[in-house]
């Protein structure tokens, strides 16, 4: 879905969200409540400038508008694969973005992520996945890496991974598999503003992804491992 009609469905009339290159930022009202909106569009590749720009919006909200909810709109192809960004330390810039979101959460800002188009790799990890809860539209595309790349990293034959992906969401791309694993809390259909309001009011502030993954059968051991580490 294009970002502009999406915002018209999510928020009251007259939102003040604008696009600057691949950056979306501004404010909007949902049922009379003001929220900060920050995110990306056009399948953005997250480079150092875009990571800093998003972080700045989050920090400005924390500094100027205590407690204001933040909505993260996700459409990214992941980190920008350029020699310049690697030399500048793109991992540190993306980590900075994640730390800013975590700071907002700790300062009682409700942070909601929404994957409305594409979410790949590190660009997704430091935005939607670090929110209090991340949701997605049914038509969204989510994956960390394609099976050929996964085969090269894991040294498992691509044919074997393709077979495993039929029964195990951990090996398979797709928004439904991320719901099963708990990374996506739910898919939004129908009245999107009603879904957003419910998320702002009811999303957990503690990380429940491992428990959700266990309950849904997508990640059967993560919650057990976490419990053993915590209690050891």
Protein backbone atom coordinates (compact mmCIF):
# COMPACT_ATOMS: atom_id res chain seq x y z
CA UNK A 1 0.00 0.00 0.00
CA UNK A 2 1.20 3.53 -0.76
CA UNK A 3 2.01 5.54 2.35
CA UNK A 4 -0.35 8.46 1.67
CA UNK A 5 -3.65 6.51 1.41
CA UNK A 6 -2.46 4.39 4.34
CA UNK A 7 -2.16 7.49 6.53
CA UNK A 8 -5.64 8.57 5.51
CA UNK A 9 -6.95 5.24 6.77
CA UNK A 10 -4.95 5.26 9.99
CA UNK A 11 -5.44 8.84 11.14
CA UNK A 12 -7.97 11.65 11.37
CA UNK A 13 -8.21 14.05 8.45
CA UNK A 14 -5.42 16.59 8.04
CA UNK A 15 -2.35 14.65 9.16
CA UNK A 16 0.97 16.52 9.06
CA UNK A 17 3.20 13.70 7.86
CA UNK A 18 5.47 14.54 4.94
CA UNK A 19 7.99 12.70 2.80
CA UNK A 20 11.59 13.88 2.45
CA UNK A 21 13.31 11.44 0.12
CA UNK A 22 12.65 8.03 1.68
CA UNK A 23 11.91 9.46 5.14
CA UNK A 24 8.37 9.84 6.47
CA UNK A 25 7.94 12.06 9.52
CA UNK A 26 5.44 14.33 11.22
CA UNK A 27 2.43 14.18 13.48
CA UNK A 28 -1.14 13.00 13.16
CA UNK A 29 -4.26 12.53 15.24
CA UNK A 30 -6.04 9.26 15.84
CA UNK A 31 -9.42 9.74 17.48
CA UNK A 32 -8.16 13.10 18.77
CA UNK A 33 -4.88 11.73 20.19
CA UNK A 34 -1.67 13.20 18.78
CA UNK A 35 1.04 10.75 17.75
CA UNK A 36 4.47 11.10 16.20
CA UNK A 37 4.86 9.27 12.90
CA UNK A 38 8.27 8.24 11.59
CA UNK A 39 9.24 5.68 9.02
CA UNK A 40 10.37 4.96 5.52
CA UNK A 41 8.93 4.45 2.06
CA UNK A 42 9.95 3.45 -1.45
CA UNK A 43 11.57 0.23 -0.14
CA UNK A 44 14.18 2.44 1.50
CA UNK A 45 17.73 1.21 1.96
CA UNK A 46 18.73 2.40 5.43
CA UNK A 47 22.01 4.29 5.22
CA UNK A 48 23.70 6.43 7.82
CA UNK A 49 21.72 9.57 6.95
CA UNK A 50 18.33 7.88 7.06
CA UNK A 51 19.10 6.09 10.32
CA UNK A 52 20.13 9.40 11.92
CA UNK A 53 17.09 11.23 10.55
CA UNK A 54 14.70 8.67 12.06
CA UNK A 55 16.57 8.72 15.36
CA UNK A 56 16.33 12.51 15.46
CA UNK A 57 12.54 12.39 15.13
CA UNK A 58 12.31 9.91 18.00
CA UNK A 59 14.65 11.92 20.25
CA UNK A 60 12.82 15.20 19.48
CA UNK A 61 9.57 13.54 20.55
CA UNK A 62 11.09 12.27 23.80
CA UNK A 63 12.55 15.70 24.57
CA UNK A 64 9.61 17.91 23.60
CA UNK A 65 6.49 15.76 24.00
CA UNK A 66 6.73 13.44 27.02
CA UNK A 67 4.55 10.37 26.72
CA UNK A 68 3.43 11.00 23.14
CA UNK A 69 2.91 7.71 21.27
CA UNK A 70 5.19 6.94 18.33
CA UNK A 71 4.07 5.03 15.23
CA UNK A 72 6.84 3.45 13.14
CA UNK A 73 5.89 2.85 9.50
CA UNK A 74 8.12 0.20 7.95
CA UNK A 75 8.99 -0.17 4.27
CA UNK A 76 12.64 -1.08 3.87
CA UNK A 77 14.92 -3.35 1.89
CA UNK A 78 17.36 -3.38 4.82
CA UNK A 79 20.66 -1.63 5.36
CA UNK A 80 22.24 0.18 2.43
CA UNK A 81 24.95 -2.01 0.91
CA UNK A 82 27.55 0.58 0.03
CA UNK A 83 31.24 0.68 0.84
CA UNK A 84 30.88 4.21 2.21
CA UNK A 85 28.19 3.19 4.72
CA UNK A 86 30.21 0.19 5.84
CA UNK A 87 33.30 2.34 6.37
CA UNK A 88 31.27 4.85 8.39
CA UNK A 89 29.92 2.02 10.56
CA UNK A 90 26.32 1.58 9.42
CA UNK A 91 25.83 -1.01 12.16
CA UNK A 92 26.47 1.67 14.78
CA UNK A 93 24.02 4.10 13.19
CA UNK A 94 21.32 1.46 13.06
CA UNK A 95 22.08 0.48 16.64
CA UNK A 96 21.74 4.16 17.57
CA UNK A 97 18.27 4.19 16.00
CA UNK A 98 17.34 1.11 17.99
CA UNK A 99 18.67 2.67 21.21
CA UNK A 100 16.60 5.81 20.61
CA UNK A 101 13.44 3.73 20.23
CA UNK A 102 14.31 1.83 23.40
CA UNK A 103 14.87 5.14 25.21
CA UNK A 104 11.41 6.27 24.14
CA UNK A 105 9.90 3.03 25.43
CA UNK A 106 11.64 3.46 28.78
CA UNK A 107 10.34 7.03 28.99
CA UNK A 108 6.74 5.73 28.74
CA UNK A 109 6.18 6.46 25.05
CA UNK A 110 4.01 3.75 23.55
CA UNK A 111 5.78 2.63 20.36
CA UNK A 112 3.83 0.77 17.69
CA UNK A 113 5.37 -0.63 14.50
CA UNK A 114 3.44 -1.30 11.29
CA UNK A 115 4.93 -3.08 8.27
CA UNK A 116 2.83 -1.72 5.44
CA UNK A 117 4.93 -2.83 2.47
CA UNK A 118 8.32 -4.50 2.78
CA UNK A 119 10.54 -5.34 5.75
CA UNK A 120 13.91 -6.94 5.21
CA UNK A 121 16.97 -7.60 7.30
CA UNK A 122 18.51 -5.07 9.68
CA UNK A 123 16.26 -2.23 8.61
CA UNK A 124 13.37 -4.15 10.15
CA UNK A 125 15.21 -5.24 13.28
CA UNK A 126 16.00 -1.68 14.41
CA UNK A 127 12.56 -0.27 13.66
CA UNK A 128 9.42 -2.41 13.79
CA UNK A 129 10.84 -5.32 15.74
CA UNK A 130 12.08 -3.11 18.58
CA UNK A 131 8.67 -1.48 19.13
CA UNK A 132 6.37 -2.45 22.00
CA UNK A 133 4.51 -4.45 19.38
CA UNK A 134 4.81 -4.76 15.62
CA UNK A 135 1.87 -5.35 13.31
CA UNK A 136 1.59 -5.80 9.55
CA UNK A 137 -0.81 -5.53 6.65
CA UNK A 138 -1.64 -8.90 5.06
CA UNK A 139 -0.02 -7.93 1.76
CA UNK A 140 3.29 -6.97 3.41
CA UNK A 141 6.49 -8.83 2.57
CA UNK A 142 8.78 -9.78 5.46
CA UNK A 143 12.00 -11.77 5.45
CA UNK A 144 15.49 -11.63 6.89
CA UNK A 145 17.22 -13.38 4.01
CA UNK A 146 16.27 -15.39 0.96
CA UNK A 147 16.81 -19.13 0.97
CA UNK A 148 19.89 -18.98 -1.35
CA UNK A 149 21.61 -16.57 1.05
CA UNK A 150 20.53 -18.67 4.03
CA UNK A 151 22.01 -21.75 2.34
CA UNK A 152 25.36 -20.00 1.93
CA UNK A 153 25.43 -18.88 5.57
CA UNK A 154 24.20 -22.11 7.18
CA UNK A 155 25.97 -24.47 4.73
CA UNK A 156 22.66 -26.34 4.36
CA UNK A 157 21.55 -27.22 0.83
CA UNK A 158 18.95 -24.84 -0.54
CA UNK A 159 16.72 -27.80 -1.44
CA UNK A 160 16.81 -28.96 2.18
CA UNK A 161 15.96 -25.47 3.43
CA UNK A 162 13.07 -25.25 0.97
CA UNK A 163 11.72 -28.53 2.35
CA UNK A 164 12.15 -27.38 5.96
CA UNK A 165 10.40 -24.08 5.21
CA UNK A 166 7.19 -25.94 4.36
CA UNK A 167 6.71 -26.99 7.97
CA UNK A 168 8.93 -24.67 10.02
CA UNK A 169 8.29 -20.88 9.95
CA UNK A 170 11.86 -20.16 11.10
CA UNK A 171 13.15 -21.14 7.65
CA UNK A 172 10.45 -19.44 5.61
CA UNK A 173 9.82 -15.85 4.55
CA UNK A 174 6.31 -14.42 4.55
CA UNK A 175 4.18 -12.34 6.86
CA UNK A 176 2.14 -15.32 8.11
CA UNK A 177 5.32 -17.06 9.26
CA UNK A 178 6.38 -13.99 11.24
CA UNK A 179 2.98 -14.00 12.92
CA UNK A 180 3.51 -17.66 13.80
CA UNK A 181 6.95 -16.89 15.24
CA UNK A 182 5.60 -13.99 17.30
CA UNK A 183 7.61 -11.28 15.55
CA UNK A 184 4.39 -9.83 14.18
CA UNK A 185 1.72 -9.58 16.86
CA UNK A 186 -1.20 -9.55 14.42
CA UNK A 187 -2.28 -8.65 10.91
CA UNK A 188 -4.46 -5.58 10.47
CA UNK A 189 -7.49 -5.82 8.23
CA UNK A 190 -10.70 -3.84 7.97
CA UNK A 191 -10.82 -0.59 9.94
CA UNK A 192 -7.15 0.33 10.31
CA UNK A 193 -7.79 3.26 12.65
CA UNK A 194 -9.67 0.99 15.03
CA UNK A 195 -6.78 -1.47 14.90
CA UNK A 196 -4.29 1.30 15.70
CA UNK A 197 -6.35 2.56 18.62
CA UNK A 198 -6.57 -0.94 20.04
CA UNK A 199 -2.81 -1.35 19.67
CA UNK A 200 -2.11 1.97 21.42
CA UNK A 201 -4.36 0.97 24.30
CA UNK A 202 -3.65 -2.74 24.64
CA UNK A 203 -0.25 -3.69 23.23
CA UNK A 204 2.08 -5.16 25.88
CA UNK A 205 5.03 -3.12 27.09
CA UNK A 206 6.97 -6.28 27.96
CA UNK A 207 8.42 -8.47 25.21
CA UNK A 208 5.99 -11.35 24.57
CA UNK A 209 7.32 -12.47 21.20
CA UNK A 210 8.87 -15.71 22.45
CA UNK A 211 5.71 -16.63 24.36
CA UNK A 212 3.55 -15.78 21.35
CA UNK A 213 5.80 -17.88 19.12
CA UNK A 214 5.47 -20.84 21.47
CA UNK A 215 1.69 -20.51 21.72
CA UNK A 216 1.38 -20.29 17.94
CA UNK A 217 3.74 -23.17 17.25
CA UNK A 218 6.22 -21.09 15.27
CA UNK A 219 9.06 -20.98 17.84
CA UNK A 220 8.65 -23.87 20.21
CA UNK A 221 11.85 -23.56 22.27
CA UNK A 222 12.71 -19.85 22.51
CA UNK A 223 10.52 -19.15 25.54
CA UNK A 224 11.89 -22.21 27.35
CA UNK A 225 15.48 -21.19 26.68
CA UNK A 226 14.83 -17.63 27.87
CA UNK A 227 13.25 -18.94 31.08
CA UNK A 228 16.21 -21.23 31.76
CA UNK A 229 18.70 -18.39 31.22
CA UNK A 230 16.75 -16.00 33.45
CA UNK A 231 16.44 -18.56 36.22
CA UNK A 232 19.98 -19.93 36.02
